Amino acid sequence: MLFGSPDLLTSLIVIITVILGFGTIFLLCGLIYIYWGNYRETKSSYAVGLLLFASALLLQNILLTGTYFINVLSHWYEGIVMFALIVFEFIALLILFKISWE
């Protein structure tokens, strides 16, 4: 084995991906809260667009994180793409949350 036991590595990838999935869900809930407050103050169409965008992304992340609970991966490399995507999405949303909070 090149990277160790595939069962352990597969489980680790799934666990980390699910944790980051929950992290993105919480970040998106925070962004929706911020954008809702901005909309209440300004009534701008830009704030509505941000609310719709964050809501669509929230729905996507809920569905994807949920599928990771029921999806059984056979090999560690099957989860690498989703793992990489969720890492980049989490970092991007963390930056957006920090900027939006200020």
PDB file of N, CA and C in Angstrom:
ATOM      1  N   MET A   1       0.830  -1.191   0.000  1.00  0.00           N
ATOM      2  CA  MET A   1       0.000   0.000   0.000  1.00  0.00           C
ATOM      3  C   MET A   1       0.870   1.250   0.000  1.00  0.00           C
ATOM      4  N   LEU A   2       0.549   2.145  -0.880  1.00  0.00           N
ATOM      5  CA  LEU A   2       1.338   3.365  -0.996  1.00  0.00           C
ATOM      6  C   LEU A   2       1.007   4.362   0.103  1.00  0.00           C
ATOM      7  N   PHE A   3      -0.257   4.526   0.433  1.00  0.00           N
ATOM      8  CA  PHE A   3      -0.674   5.529   1.409  1.00  0.00           C
ATOM      9  C   PHE A   3      -1.258   4.918   2.677  1.00  0.00           C
ATOM     10  N   GLY A   4      -1.012   3.682   2.936  1.00  0.00           N
ATOM     11  CA  GLY A   4      -1.554   3.052   4.130  1.00  0.00           C
ATOM     12  C   GLY A   4      -2.857   2.346   3.837  1.00  0.00           C
ATOM     13  N   SER A   5      -3.545   1.997   4.865  1.00  0.00           N
ATOM     14  CA  SER A   5      -4.788   1.250   4.740  1.00  0.00           C
ATOM     15  C   SER A   5      -5.856   2.079   4.043  1.00  0.00           C
ATOM     16  N   PRO A   6      -6.421   1.558   2.943  1.00  0.00           N
ATOM     17  CA  PRO A   6      -7.460   2.344   2.259  1.00  0.00           C
ATOM     18  C   PRO A   6      -8.706   2.530   3.114  1.00  0.00           C
ATOM     19  N   ASP A   7      -9.022   1.573   3.992  1.00  0.00           N
ATOM     20  CA  ASP A   7     -10.200   1.724   4.829  1.00  0.00           C
ATOM     21  C   ASP A   7     -10.047   2.886   5.805  1.00  0.00           C
ATOM     22  N   LEU A   8      -8.897   2.986   6.437  1.00  0.00           N
ATOM     23  CA  LEU A   8      -8.639   4.077   7.368  1.00  0.00           C
ATOM     24  C   LEU A   8      -8.575   5.410   6.639  1.00  0.00           C
ATOM     25  N   LEU A   9      -7.886   5.439   5.514  1.00  0.00           N
ATOM     26  CA  LEU A   9      -7.762   6.673   4.743  1.00  0.00           C
ATOM     27  C   LEU A   9      -9.114   7.100   4.178  1.00  0.00           C
ATOM     28  N   THR A  10      -9.886   6.139   3.698  1.00  0.00           N
ATOM     29  CA  THR A  10     -11.221   6.448   3.173  1.00  0.00           C
ATOM     30  C   THR A  10     -12.106   7.030   4.274  1.00  0.00           C
ATOM     31  N   SER A  11     -12.067   6.416   5.438  1.00  0.00           N
ATOM     32  CA  SER A  11     -12.866   6.916   6.560  1.00  0.00           C
ATOM     33  C   SER A  11     -12.431   8.315   6.963  1.00  0.00           C
ATOM     34  N   LEU A  12     -11.130   8.556   6.992  1.00  0.00           N
ATOM     35  CA  LEU A  12     -10.613   9.868   7.359  1.00  0.00           C
ATOM     36  C   LEU A  12     -11.038  10.933   6.361  1.00  0.00           C
ATOM     37  N   ILE A  13     -10.972  10.619   5.075  1.00  0.00           N
ATOM     38  CA  ILE A  13     -11.388  11.572   4.047  1.00  0.00           C
ATOM     39  C   ILE A  13     -12.874  11.889   4.186  1.00  0.00           C
ATOM     40  N   VAL A  14     -13.689  10.873   4.411  1.00  0.00           N
ATOM     41  CA  VAL A  14     -15.133  11.094   4.556  1.00  0.00           C
ATOM     42  C   VAL A  14     -15.423  11.930   5.800  1.00  0.00           C
ATOM     43  N   ILE A  15     -14.771  11.621   6.915  1.00  0.00           N
ATOM     44  CA  ILE A  15     -15.012  12.370   8.158  1.00  0.00           C
ATOM     45  C   ILE A  15     -14.616  13.828   8.002  1.00  0.00           C
ATOM     46  N   ILE A  16     -13.441  14.079   7.448  1.00  0.00           N
ATOM     47  CA  ILE A  16     -12.985  15.468   7.264  1.00  0.00           C
ATOM     48  C   ILE A  16     -13.898  16.207   6.289  1.00  0.00           C
ATOM     49  N   THR A  17     -14.311  15.531   5.219  1.00  0.00           N
ATOM     50  CA  THR A  17     -15.202  16.171   4.249  1.00  0.00           C
ATOM     51  C   THR A  17     -16.540  16.530   4.880  1.00  0.00           C
ATOM     52  N   VAL A  18     -17.073  15.656   5.695  1.00  0.00           N
ATOM     53  CA  VAL A  18     -18.357  15.934   6.366  1.00  0.00           C
ATOM     54  C   VAL A  18     -18.197  17.080   7.369  1.00  0.00           C
ATOM     55  N   ILE A  19     -17.100  17.095   8.114  1.00  0.00           N
ATOM     56  CA  ILE A  19     -16.861  18.194   9.068  1.00  0.00           C
ATOM     57  C   ILE A  19     -16.759  19.521   8.327  1.00  0.00           C
ATOM     58  N   LEU A  20     -16.000  19.549   7.227  1.00  0.00           N
ATOM     59  CA  LEU A  20     -15.901  20.779   6.437  1.00  0.00           C
ATOM     60  C   LEU A  20     -17.242  21.126   5.793  1.00  0.00           C
ATOM     61  N   GLY A  21     -18.026  20.108   5.444  1.00  0.00           N
ATOM     62  CA  GLY A  21     -19.363  20.361   4.905  1.00  0.00           C
ATOM     63  C   GLY A  21     -20.246  21.062   5.921  1.00  0.00           C
ATOM     64  N   PHE A  22     -20.208  20.599   7.169  1.00  0.00           N
ATOM     65  CA  PHE A  22     -20.956  21.280   8.228  1.00  0.00           C
ATOM     66  C   PHE A  22     -20.412  22.691   8.455  1.00  0.00           C
ATOM     67  N   GLY A  23     -19.095  22.851   8.342  1.00  0.00           N
ATOM     68  CA  GLY A  23     -18.497  24.177   8.477  1.00  0.00           C
ATOM     69  C   GLY A  23     -18.997  25.131   7.406  1.00  0.00           C
ATOM     70  N   THR A  24     -19.083  24.659   6.167  1.00  0.00           N
ATOM     71  CA  THR A  24     -19.589  25.523   5.102  1.00  0.00           C
ATOM     72  C   THR A  24     -21.064  25.832   5.299  1.00  0.00           C
ATOM     73  N   ILE A  25     -21.808  24.880   5.823  1.00  0.00           N
ATOM     74  CA  ILE A  25     -23.232  25.127   6.102  1.00  0.00           C
ATOM     75  C   ILE A  25     -23.381  26.221   7.156  1.00  0.00           C
ATOM     76  N   PHE A  26     -22.579  26.158   8.214  1.00  0.00           N
ATOM     77  CA  PHE A  26     -22.644  27.196   9.250  1.00  0.00           C
ATOM     78  C   PHE A  26     -22.181  28.553   8.713  1.00  0.00           C
ATOM     79  N   LEU A  27     -21.131  28.559   7.886  1.00  0.00           N
ATOM     80  CA  LEU A  27     -20.682  29.820   7.285  1.00  0.00           C
ATOM     81  C   LEU A  27     -21.763  30.406   6.391  1.00  0.00           C
ATOM     82  N   LEU A  28     -22.417  29.576   5.610  1.00  0.00           N
ATOM     83  CA  LEU A  28     -23.487  30.068   4.742  1.00  0.00           C
ATOM     84  C   LEU A  28     -24.683  30.570   5.539  1.00  0.00           C
ATOM     85  N   CYS A  29     -25.003  29.924   6.643  1.00  0.00           N
ATOM     86  CA  CYS A  29     -26.077  30.435   7.511  1.00  0.00           C
ATOM     87  C   CYS A  29     -25.700  31.806   8.063  1.00  0.00           C
ATOM     88  N   GLY A  30     -24.441  31.972   8.445  1.00  0.00           N
ATOM     89  CA  GLY A  30     -23.961  33.268   8.919  1.00  0.00           C
ATOM     90  C   GLY A  30     -24.028  34.326   7.833  1.00  0.00           C
ATOM     91  N   LEU A  31     -23.645  33.949   6.609  1.00  0.00           N
ATOM     92  CA  LEU A  31     -23.726  34.900   5.497  1.00  0.00           C
ATOM     93  C   LEU A  31     -25.166  35.281   5.201  1.00  0.00           C
ATOM     94  N   ILE A  32     -26.076  34.334   5.250  1.00  0.00           N
ATOM     95  CA  ILE A  32     -27.490  34.640   5.024  1.00  0.00           C
ATOM     96  C   ILE A  32     -28.000  35.595   6.099  1.00  0.00           C
ATOM     97  N   TYR A  33     -27.580  35.387   7.328  1.00  0.00           N
ATOM     98  CA  TYR A  33     -27.958  36.292   8.420  1.00  0.00           C
ATOM     99  C   TYR A  33     -27.447  37.706   8.144  1.00  0.00           C
ATOM    100  N   ILE A  34     -26.188  37.814   7.739  1.00  0.00           N
ATOM    101  CA  ILE A  34     -25.605  39.132   7.443  1.00  0.00           C
ATOM    102  C   ILE A  34     -26.319  39.784   6.263  1.00  0.00           C
ATOM    103  N   TYR A  35     -26.537  39.006   5.191  1.00  0.00           N
ATOM    104  CA  TYR A  35     -27.180  39.570   4.006  1.00  0.00           C
ATOM    105  C   TYR A  35     -28.636  39.939   4.273  1.00  0.00           C
ATOM    106  N   TRP A  36     -29.308  39.195   5.132  1.00  0.00           N
ATOM    107  CA  TRP A  36     -30.689  39.535   5.490  1.00  0.00           C
ATOM    108  C   TRP A  36     -30.725  40.868   6.244  1.00  0.00           C
ATOM    109  N   GLY A  37     -29.766  41.060   7.136  1.00  0.00           N
ATOM    110  CA  GLY A  37     -29.678  42.339   7.843  1.00  0.00           C
ATOM    111  C   GLY A  37     -29.397  43.488   6.895  1.00  0.00           C
ATOM    112  N   ASN A  38     -28.512  43.249   5.927  1.00  0.00           N
ATOM    113  CA  ASN A  38     -28.228  44.288   4.927  1.00  0.00           C
ATOM    114  C   ASN A  38     -29.460  44.594   4.089  1.00  0.00           C
ATOM    115  N   TYR A  39     -30.204  43.562   3.748  1.00  0.00           N
ATOM    116  CA  TYR A  39     -31.412  43.785   2.949  1.00  0.00           C
ATOM    117  C   TYR A  39     -32.451  44.586   3.731  1.00  0.00           C
ATOM    118  N   ARG A  40     -32.623  44.251   5.011  1.00  0.00           N
ATOM    119  CA  ARG A  40     -33.597  44.982   5.818  1.00  0.00           C
ATOM    120  C   ARG A  40     -33.244  46.456   5.924  1.00  0.00           C
ATOM    121  N   GLU A  41     -31.952  46.769   5.954  1.00  0.00           N
ATOM    122  CA  GLU A  41     -31.523  48.165   6.063  1.00  0.00           C
ATOM    123  C   GLU A  41     -31.601  48.900   4.729  1.00  0.00           C
ATOM    124  N   THR A  42     -31.211  48.241   3.639  1.00  0.00           N
ATOM    125  CA  THR A  42     -31.059  48.948   2.362  1.00  0.00           C
ATOM    126  C   THR A  42     -32.162  48.672   1.355  1.00  0.00           C
ATOM    127  N   LYS A  43     -32.822  47.513   1.452  1.00  0.00           N
ATOM    128  CA  LYS A  43     -33.838  47.095   0.475  1.00  0.00           C
ATOM    129  C   LYS A  43     -33.276  47.077  -0.953  1.00  0.00           C
ATOM    130  N   SER A  44     -31.998  46.748  -1.102  1.00  0.00           N
ATOM    131  CA  SER A  44     -31.379  46.773  -2.427  1.00  0.00           C
ATOM    132  C   SER A  44     -31.513  45.421  -3.118  1.00  0.00           C
ATOM    133  N   SER A  45     -31.521  45.477  -4.449  1.00  0.00           N
ATOM    134  CA  SER A  45     -31.596  44.243  -5.224  1.00  0.00           C
ATOM    135  C   SER A  45     -30.285  43.467  -5.131  1.00  0.00           C
ATOM    136  N   TYR A  46     -29.199  44.153  -4.864  1.00  0.00           N
ATOM    137  CA  TYR A  46     -27.904  43.499  -4.671  1.00  0.00           C
ATOM    138  C   TYR A  46     -27.951  42.576  -3.458  1.00  0.00           C
ATOM    139  N   ALA A  47     -28.565  43.030  -2.388  1.00  0.00           N
ATOM    140  CA  ALA A  47     -28.693  42.207  -1.188  1.00  0.00           C
ATOM    141  C   ALA A  47     -29.604  41.006  -1.443  1.00  0.00           C
ATOM    142  N   VAL A  48     -30.638  41.192  -2.259  1.00  0.00           N
ATOM    143  CA  VAL A  48     -31.508  40.076  -2.619  1.00  0.00           C
ATOM    144  C   VAL A  48     -30.717  39.041  -3.418  1.00  0.00           C
ATOM    145  N   GLY A  49     -29.888  39.511  -4.339  1.00  0.00           N
ATOM    146  CA  GLY A  49     -29.053  38.605  -5.117  1.00  0.00           C
ATOM    147  C   GLY A  49     -28.100  37.814  -4.242  1.00  0.00           C
ATOM    148  N   LEU A  50     -27.501  38.483  -3.259  1.00  0.00           N
ATOM    149  CA  LEU A  50     -26.609  37.795  -2.340  1.00  0.00           C
ATOM    150  C   LEU A  50     -27.364  36.763  -1.500  1.00  0.00           C
ATOM    151  N   LEU A  51     -28.579  37.115  -1.073  1.00  0.00           N
ATOM    152  CA  LEU A  51     -29.407  36.173  -0.316  1.00  0.00           C
ATOM    153  C   LEU A  51     -29.752  34.935  -1.146  1.00  0.00           C
ATOM    154  N   LEU A  52     -30.129  35.146  -2.399  1.00  0.00           N
ATOM    155  CA  LEU A  52     -30.474  34.020  -3.265  1.00  0.00           C
ATOM    156  C   LEU A  52     -29.257  33.152  -3.558  1.00  0.00           C
ATOM    157  N   PHE A  53     -28.128  33.788  -3.801  1.00  0.00           N
ATOM    158  CA  PHE A  53     -26.896  33.053  -4.069  1.00  0.00           C
ATOM    159  C   PHE A  53     -26.496  32.209  -2.857  1.00  0.00           C
ATOM    160  N   ALA A  54     -26.483  32.807  -1.692  1.00  0.00           N
ATOM    161  CA  ALA A  54     -26.099  32.086  -0.476  1.00  0.00           C
ATOM    162  C   ALA A  54     -27.104  30.977  -0.166  1.00  0.00           C
ATOM    163  N   SER A  55     -28.383  31.218  -0.425  1.00  0.00           N
ATOM    164  CA  SER A  55     -29.399  30.195  -0.173  1.00  0.00           C
ATOM    165  C   SER A  55     -29.231  29.003  -1.113  1.00  0.00           C
ATOM    166  N   ALA A  56     -28.948  29.262  -2.382  1.00  0.00           N
ATOM    167  CA  ALA A  56     -28.730  28.175  -3.338  1.00  0.00           C
ATOM    168  C   ALA A  56     -27.488  27.366  -2.966  1.00  0.00           C
ATOM    169  N   LEU A  57     -26.439  28.061  -2.568  1.00  0.00           N
ATOM    170  CA  LEU A  57     -25.213  27.382  -2.153  1.00  0.00           C
ATOM    171  C   LEU A  57     -25.435  26.590  -0.874  1.00  0.00           C
ATOM    172  N   LEU A  58     -26.263  27.106   0.020  1.00  0.00           N
ATOM    173  CA  LEU A  58     -26.595  26.388   1.249  1.00  0.00           C
ATOM    174  C   LEU A  58     -27.344  25.097   0.926  1.00  0.00           C
ATOM    175  N   LEU A  59     -28.316  25.161   0.044  1.00  0.00           N
ATOM    176  CA  LEU A  59     -29.057  23.970  -0.339  1.00  0.00           C
ATOM    177  C   LEU A  59     -28.132  22.929  -0.969  1.00  0.00           C
ATOM    178  N   GLN A  60     -27.231  23.380  -1.834  1.00  0.00           N
ATOM    179  CA  GLN A  60     -26.280  22.471  -2.458  1.00  0.00           C
ATOM    180  C   GLN A  60     -25.412  21.786  -1.406  1.00  0.00           C
ATOM    181  N   ASN A  61     -24.919  22.538  -0.439  1.00  0.00           N
ATOM    182  CA  ASN A  61     -24.039  21.968   0.574  1.00  0.00           C
ATOM    183  C   ASN A  61     -24.783  21.023   1.511  1.00  0.00           C
ATOM    184  N   ILE A  62     -26.032  21.310   1.805  1.00  0.00           N
ATOM    185  CA  ILE A  62     -26.826  20.399   2.631  1.00  0.00           C
ATOM    186  C   ILE A  62     -27.011  19.071   1.897  1.00  0.00           C
ATOM    187  N   LEU A  63     -27.336  19.132   0.619  1.00  0.00           N
ATOM    188  CA  LEU A  63     -27.530  17.912  -0.160  1.00  0.00           C
ATOM    189  C   LEU A  63     -26.237  17.123  -0.311  1.00  0.00           C
ATOM    190  N   LEU A  64     -25.136  17.800  -0.605  1.00  0.00           N
ATOM    191  CA  LEU A  64     -23.867  17.101  -0.780  1.00  0.00           C
ATOM    192  C   LEU A  64     -23.350  16.498   0.520  1.00  0.00           C
ATOM    193  N   THR A  65     -23.471  17.231   1.609  1.00  0.00           N
ATOM    194  CA  THR A  65     -23.026  16.699   2.902  1.00  0.00           C
ATOM    195  C   THR A  65     -23.906  15.523   3.307  1.00  0.00           C
ATOM    196  N   GLY A  66     -25.183  15.612   3.019  1.00  0.00           N
ATOM    197  CA  GLY A  66     -26.086  14.513   3.320  1.00  0.00           C
ATOM    198  C   GLY A  66     -25.770  13.263   2.520  1.00  0.00           C
ATOM    199  N   THR A  67     -25.382  13.424   1.259  1.00  0.00           N
ATOM    200  CA  THR A  67     -25.053  12.255   0.450  1.00  0.00           C
ATOM    201  C   THR A  67     -23.785  11.585   0.946  1.00  0.00           C
ATOM    202  N   TYR A  68     -22.902  12.327   1.575  1.00  0.00           N
ATOM    203  CA  TYR A  68     -21.690  11.710   2.108  1.00  0.00           C
ATOM    204  C   TYR A  68     -22.002  10.820   3.296  1.00  0.00           C
ATOM    205  N   PHE A  69     -23.110  11.083   3.992  1.00  0.00           N
ATOM    206  CA  PHE A  69     -23.512  10.208   5.096  1.00  0.00           C
ATOM    207  C   PHE A  69     -24.004   8.855   4.582  1.00  0.00           C
ATOM    208  N   ILE A  70     -24.704   8.859   3.443  1.00  0.00           N
ATOM    209  CA  ILE A  70     -25.276   7.608   2.945  1.00  0.00           C
ATOM    210  C   ILE A  70     -24.416   6.939   1.878  1.00  0.00           C
ATOM    211  N   ASN A  71     -23.464   7.662   1.308  1.00  0.00           N
ATOM    212  CA  ASN A  71     -22.613   7.110   0.268  1.00  0.00           C
ATOM    213  C   ASN A  71     -21.447   6.351   0.898  1.00  0.00           C
ATOM    214  N   VAL A  72     -21.279   5.132   0.499  1.00  0.00           N
ATOM    215  CA  VAL A  72     -20.167   4.330   0.999  1.00  0.00           C
ATOM    216  C   VAL A  72     -19.096   4.295  -0.082  1.00  0.00           C
ATOM    217  N   LEU A  73     -17.917   4.811   0.242  1.00  0.00           N
ATOM    218  CA  LEU A  73     -16.814   4.806  -0.707  1.00  0.00           C
ATOM    219  C   LEU A  73     -16.039   3.499  -0.588  1.00  0.00           C
ATOM    220  N   SER A  74     -15.674   2.966  -1.719  1.00  0.00           N
ATOM    221  CA  SER A  74     -14.910   1.721  -1.713  1.00  0.00           C
ATOM    222  C   SER A  74     -13.414   1.975  -1.558  1.00  0.00           C
ATOM    223  N   HIS A  75     -12.946   3.078  -2.118  1.00  0.00           N
ATOM    224  CA  HIS A  75     -11.515   3.374  -2.116  1.00  0.00           C
ATOM    225  C   HIS A  75     -11.299   4.834  -1.738  1.00  0.00           C
ATOM    226  N   TRP A  76     -10.136   5.125  -1.179  1.00  0.00           N
ATOM    227  CA  TRP A  76      -9.825   6.474  -0.702  1.00  0.00           C
ATOM    228  C   TRP A  76      -9.832   7.484  -1.836  1.00  0.00           C
ATOM    229  N   TYR A  77      -9.426   7.083  -3.030  1.00  0.00           N
ATOM    230  CA  TYR A  77      -9.316   8.037  -4.136  1.00  0.00           C
ATOM    231  C   TYR A  77     -10.673   8.466  -4.686  1.00  0.00           C
ATOM    232  N   GLU A  78     -11.736   7.766  -4.339  1.00  0.00           N
ATOM    233  CA  GLU A  78     -13.067   8.178  -4.777  1.00  0.00           C
ATOM    234  C   GLU A  78     -13.525   9.459  -4.089  1.00  0.00           C
ATOM    235  N   GLY A  79     -12.989   9.756  -2.919  1.00  0.00           N
ATOM    236  CA  GLY A  79     -13.421  10.936  -2.180  1.00  0.00           C
ATOM    237  C   GLY A  79     -12.506  12.133  -2.313  1.00  0.00           C
ATOM    238  N   ILE A  80     -11.400  11.992  -3.042  1.00  0.00           N
ATOM    239  CA  ILE A  80     -10.416  13.072  -3.132  1.00  0.00           C
ATOM    240  C   ILE A  80     -10.987  14.311  -3.818  1.00  0.00           C
ATOM    241  N   VAL A  81     -11.732  14.139  -4.885  1.00  0.00           N
ATOM    242  CA  VAL A  81     -12.269  15.296  -5.617  1.00  0.00           C
ATOM    243  C   VAL A  81     -13.227  16.084  -4.734  1.00  0.00           C
ATOM    244  N   MET A  82     -14.150  15.393  -4.082  1.00  0.00           N
ATOM    245  CA  MET A  82     -15.092  16.083  -3.190  1.00  0.00           C
ATOM    246  C   MET A  82     -14.355  16.732  -2.030  1.00  0.00           C
ATOM    247  N   PHE A  83     -13.359  16.050  -1.507  1.00  0.00           N
ATOM    248  CA  PHE A  83     -12.561  16.602  -0.420  1.00  0.00           C
ATOM    249  C   PHE A  83     -11.880  17.897  -0.854  1.00  0.00           C
ATOM    250  N   ALA A  84     -11.254  17.886  -2.026  1.00  0.00           N
ATOM    251  CA  ALA A  84     -10.567  19.082  -2.523  1.00  0.00           C
ATOM    252  C   ALA A  84     -11.556  20.221  -2.760  1.00  0.00           C
ATOM    253  N   LEU A  85     -12.706  19.912  -3.338  1.00  0.00           N
ATOM    254  CA  LEU A  85     -13.707  20.949  -3.593  1.00  0.00           C
ATOM    255  C   LEU A  85     -14.213  21.573  -2.303  1.00  0.00           C
ATOM    256  N   ILE A  86     -14.473  20.750  -1.301  1.00  0.00           N
ATOM    257  CA  ILE A  86     -15.012  21.281  -0.049  1.00  0.00           C
ATOM    258  C   ILE A  86     -13.961  22.098   0.691  1.00  0.00           C
ATOM    259  N   VAL A  87     -12.693  21.718   0.570  1.00  0.00           N
ATOM    260  CA  VAL A  87     -11.623  22.509   1.203  1.00  0.00           C
ATOM    261  C   VAL A  87     -11.552  23.892   0.574  1.00  0.00           C
ATOM    262  N   PHE A  88     -11.538  23.950  -0.760  1.00  0.00           N
ATOM    263  CA  PHE A  88     -11.466  25.244  -1.439  1.00  0.00           C
ATOM    264  C   PHE A  88     -12.718  26.084  -1.191  1.00  0.00           C
ATOM    265  N   GLU A  89     -13.880  25.442  -1.183  1.00  0.00           N
ATOM    266  CA  GLU A  89     -15.118  26.167  -0.920  1.00  0.00           C
ATOM    267  C   GLU A  89     -15.140  26.711   0.506  1.00  0.00           C
ATOM    268  N   PHE A  90     -14.686  25.923   1.464  1.00  0.00           N
ATOM    269  CA  PHE A  90     -14.647  26.365   2.849  1.00  0.00           C
ATOM    270  C   PHE A  90     -13.723  27.570   3.001  1.00  0.00           C
ATOM    271  N   ILE A  91     -12.548  27.533   2.387  1.00  0.00           N
ATOM    272  CA  ILE A  91     -11.608  28.655   2.460  1.00  0.00           C
ATOM    273  C   ILE A  91     -12.223  29.900   1.816  1.00  0.00           C
ATOM    274  N   ALA A  92     -12.842  29.737   0.648  1.00  0.00           N
ATOM    275  CA  ALA A  92     -13.457  30.877  -0.042  1.00  0.00           C
ATOM    276  C   ALA A  92     -14.592  31.480   0.785  1.00  0.00           C
ATOM    277  N   LEU A  93     -15.424  30.638   1.374  1.00  0.00           N
ATOM    278  CA  LEU A  93     -16.528  31.144   2.188  1.00  0.00           C
ATOM    279  C   LEU A  93     -16.038  31.777   3.482  1.00  0.00           C
ATOM    280  N   LEU A  94     -14.962  31.260   4.027  1.00  0.00           N
ATOM    281  CA  LEU A  94     -14.376  31.870   5.224  1.00  0.00           C
ATOM    282  C   LEU A  94     -13.886  33.283   4.921  1.00  0.00           C
ATOM    283  N   ILE A  95     -13.246  33.457   3.782  1.00  0.00           N
ATOM    284  CA  ILE A  95     -12.792  34.794   3.360  1.00  0.00           C
ATOM    285  C   ILE A  95     -13.993  35.707   3.137  1.00  0.00           C
ATOM    286  N   LEU A  96     -15.011  35.207   2.435  1.00  0.00           N
ATOM    287  CA  LEU A  96     -16.208  36.011   2.178  1.00  0.00           C
ATOM    288  C   LEU A  96     -16.919  36.377   3.469  1.00  0.00           C
ATOM    289  N   PHE A  97     -16.987  35.444   4.406  1.00  0.00           N
ATOM    290  CA  PHE A  97     -17.624  35.723   5.696  1.00  0.00           C
ATOM    291  C   PHE A  97     -16.866  36.808   6.447  1.00  0.00           C
ATOM    292  N   LYS A  98     -15.544  36.720   6.458  1.00  0.00           N
ATOM    293  CA  LYS A  98     -14.731  37.727   7.160  1.00  0.00           C
ATOM    294  C   LYS A  98     -14.927  39.112   6.547  1.00  0.00           C
ATOM    295  N   ILE A  99     -14.951  39.166   5.220  1.00  0.00           N
ATOM    296  CA  ILE A  99     -15.135  40.447   4.541  1.00  0.00           C
ATOM    297  C   ILE A  99     -16.549  40.978   4.787  1.00  0.00           C
ATOM    298  N   SER A 100     -17.551  40.103   4.745  1.00  0.00           N
ATOM    299  CA  SER A 100     -18.941  40.536   4.930  1.00  0.00           C
ATOM    300  C   SER A 100     -19.218  40.962   6.369  1.00  0.00           C
ATOM    301  N   TRP A 101     -18.526  40.363   7.313  1.00  0.00           N
ATOM    302  CA  TRP A 101     -18.748  40.679   8.728  1.00  0.00           C
ATOM    303  C   TRP A 101     -18.285  42.084   9.059  1.00  0.00           C
ATOM    304  N   GLU A 102     -17.273  42.570   8.359  1.00  0.00           N
ATOM    305  CA  GLU A 102     -16.703  43.901   8.666  1.00  0.00           C
ATOM    306  C   GLU A 102     -17.578  45.032   8.223  1.00  0.00           C
TER     307      GLU A 102
END
